[in-house]
């Protein structure tokens, strides 16, 4: 399994479309309608026949960093 993480990836359907253009040789085939529909929501944006599954998974990195820092400083 390969995982590609782009933090900004979930922000814009057009960014995802442009950044994956020409990656078909890697097996990445976006479902353009699904990509546009989900925009910032969780879900699959690659076509069902795509060899590589591409998902939007919203995260909150700042919260995780803050919680880890708090725990390291003895607060948790």
C-alpha atoms as a PDB file:
ATOM      1  CA  UNK A   1       0.000   0.000   0.000  1.00  0.00           C
ATOM      2  CA  UNK A   2       1.283   3.455  -0.882  1.00  0.00           C
ATOM      3  CA  UNK A   3       0.104   6.536   0.963  1.00  0.00           C
ATOM      4  CA  UNK A   4       0.553  10.039  -0.360  1.00  0.00           C
ATOM      5  CA  UNK A   5      -0.241  12.873   1.983  1.00  0.00           C
ATOM      6  CA  UNK A   6      -0.685  16.459   0.909  1.00  0.00           C
ATOM      7  CA  UNK A   7      -1.900  18.644   3.742  1.00  0.00           C
ATOM      8  CA  UNK A   8      -3.263  21.274   1.367  1.00  0.00           C
ATOM      9  CA  UNK A   9      -4.778  18.546  -0.808  1.00  0.00           C
ATOM     10  CA  UNK A  10      -8.187  18.684   0.866  1.00  0.00           C
ATOM     11  CA  UNK A  11      -8.628  22.422   0.321  1.00  0.00           C
ATOM     12  CA  UNK A  12      -9.496  22.671  -3.360  1.00  0.00           C
ATOM     13  CA  UNK A  13     -10.897  20.320  -5.967  1.00  0.00           C
ATOM     14  CA  UNK A  14      -9.105  22.287  -8.686  1.00  0.00           C
ATOM     15  CA  UNK A  15      -5.776  21.926  -6.845  1.00  0.00           C
ATOM     16  CA  UNK A  16      -6.307  18.163  -6.631  1.00  0.00           C
ATOM     17  CA  UNK A  17      -7.245  18.003 -10.293  1.00  0.00           C
ATOM     18  CA  UNK A  18      -4.203  20.003 -11.430  1.00  0.00           C
ATOM     19  CA  UNK A  19      -1.741  18.270  -9.108  1.00  0.00           C
ATOM     20  CA  UNK A  20      -2.746  14.794 -10.280  1.00  0.00           C
ATOM     21  CA  UNK A  21      -2.917  15.650 -13.996  1.00  0.00           C
ATOM     22  CA  UNK A  22      -0.528  13.406 -15.885  1.00  0.00           C
ATOM     23  CA  UNK A  23      -0.269  10.853 -13.066  1.00  0.00           C
ATOM     24  CA  UNK A  24      -2.312   8.238 -14.888  1.00  0.00           C
ATOM     25  CA  UNK A  25       0.912   6.327 -15.580  1.00  0.00           C
ATOM     26  CA  UNK A  26       1.135   5.857 -11.790  1.00  0.00           C
ATOM     27  CA  UNK A  27      -2.408   4.478 -11.676  1.00  0.00           C
ATOM     28  CA  UNK A  28      -4.045   7.655 -10.362  1.00  0.00           C
ATOM     29  CA  UNK A  29      -7.367   8.355 -12.072  1.00  0.00           C
ATOM     30  CA  UNK A  30      -9.612  10.919 -10.391  1.00  0.00           C
ATOM     31  CA  UNK A  31     -13.383  10.821 -10.613  1.00  0.00           C
ATOM     32  CA  UNK A  32     -13.833  14.486 -11.517  1.00  0.00           C
ATOM     33  CA  UNK A  33     -17.454  14.662 -10.375  1.00  0.00           C
ATOM     34  CA  UNK A  34     -16.722  12.999  -7.039  1.00  0.00           C
ATOM     35  CA  UNK A  35     -13.666  15.233  -6.595  1.00  0.00           C
ATOM     36  CA  UNK A  36     -15.819  18.320  -7.107  1.00  0.00           C
ATOM     37  CA  UNK A  37     -18.731  17.038  -4.999  1.00  0.00           C
ATOM     38  CA  UNK A  38     -16.719  16.079  -1.916  1.00  0.00           C
ATOM     39  CA  UNK A  39     -14.388  19.102  -1.989  1.00  0.00           C
ATOM     40  CA  UNK A  40     -13.401  19.196   1.727  1.00  0.00           C
ATOM     41  CA  UNK A  41     -15.388  16.188   2.938  1.00  0.00           C
ATOM     42  CA  UNK A  42     -14.109  12.699   3.674  1.00  0.00           C
ATOM     43  CA  UNK A  43     -14.320  10.171   0.878  1.00  0.00           C
ATOM     44  CA  UNK A  44     -12.870   8.532  -2.194  1.00  0.00           C
ATOM     45  CA  UNK A  45     -12.169  10.800  -5.164  1.00  0.00           C
ATOM     46  CA  UNK A  46     -10.544   8.278  -7.491  1.00  0.00           C
ATOM     47  CA  UNK A  47     -12.516   6.326 -10.056  1.00  0.00           C
ATOM     48  CA  UNK A  48     -13.643   2.849  -9.001  1.00  0.00           C
ATOM     49  CA  UNK A  49     -11.461   1.328 -11.752  1.00  0.00           C
ATOM     50  CA  UNK A  50      -8.398   3.330 -10.690  1.00  0.00           C
ATOM     51  CA  UNK A  51      -5.473   1.068  -9.686  1.00  0.00           C
ATOM     52  CA  UNK A  52      -4.634   3.608  -6.966  1.00  0.00           C
ATOM     53  CA  UNK A  53      -7.357   4.697  -4.546  1.00  0.00           C
ATOM     54  CA  UNK A  54      -7.272   8.393  -3.653  1.00  0.00           C
ATOM     55  CA  UNK A  55      -9.139   9.653  -0.593  1.00  0.00           C
ATOM     56  CA  UNK A  56      -9.769  12.957   1.126  1.00  0.00           C
ATOM     57  CA  UNK A  57      -9.252  12.501   4.863  1.00  0.00           C
ATOM     58  CA  UNK A  58      -9.609  15.724   6.864  1.00  0.00           C
ATOM     59  CA  UNK A  59      -7.144  15.998   9.724  1.00  0.00           C
ATOM     60  CA  UNK A  60      -6.347  18.428  12.521  1.00  0.00           C
ATOM     61  CA  UNK A  61      -2.554  18.398  12.724  1.00  0.00           C
ATOM     62  CA  UNK A  62      -2.440  21.428  15.007  1.00  0.00           C
ATOM     63  CA  UNK A  63      -4.579  19.683  17.625  1.00  0.00           C
ATOM     64  CA  UNK A  64      -2.415  16.543  17.551  1.00  0.00           C
ATOM     65  CA  UNK A  65       0.761  18.612  17.940  1.00  0.00           C
ATOM     66  CA  UNK A  66      -0.764  20.553  20.842  1.00  0.00           C
ATOM     67  CA  UNK A  67      -1.926  17.359  22.600  1.00  0.00           C
ATOM     68  CA  UNK A  68       1.459  15.675  22.133  1.00  0.00           C
ATOM     69  CA  UNK A  69       3.300  18.745  23.396  1.00  0.00           C
ATOM     70  CA  UNK A  70       1.025  18.938  26.444  1.00  0.00           C
ATOM     71  CA  UNK A  71       1.658  15.261  27.205  1.00  0.00           C
ATOM     72  CA  UNK A  72       5.426  15.664  26.789  1.00  0.00           C
ATOM     73  CA  UNK A  73       5.429  18.570  29.217  1.00  0.00           C
ATOM     74  CA  UNK A  74       3.796  16.361  31.833  1.00  0.00           C
ATOM     75  CA  UNK A  75       0.261  17.592  31.456  1.00  0.00           C
ATOM     76  CA  UNK A  76      -1.270  14.376  30.274  1.00  0.00           C
END
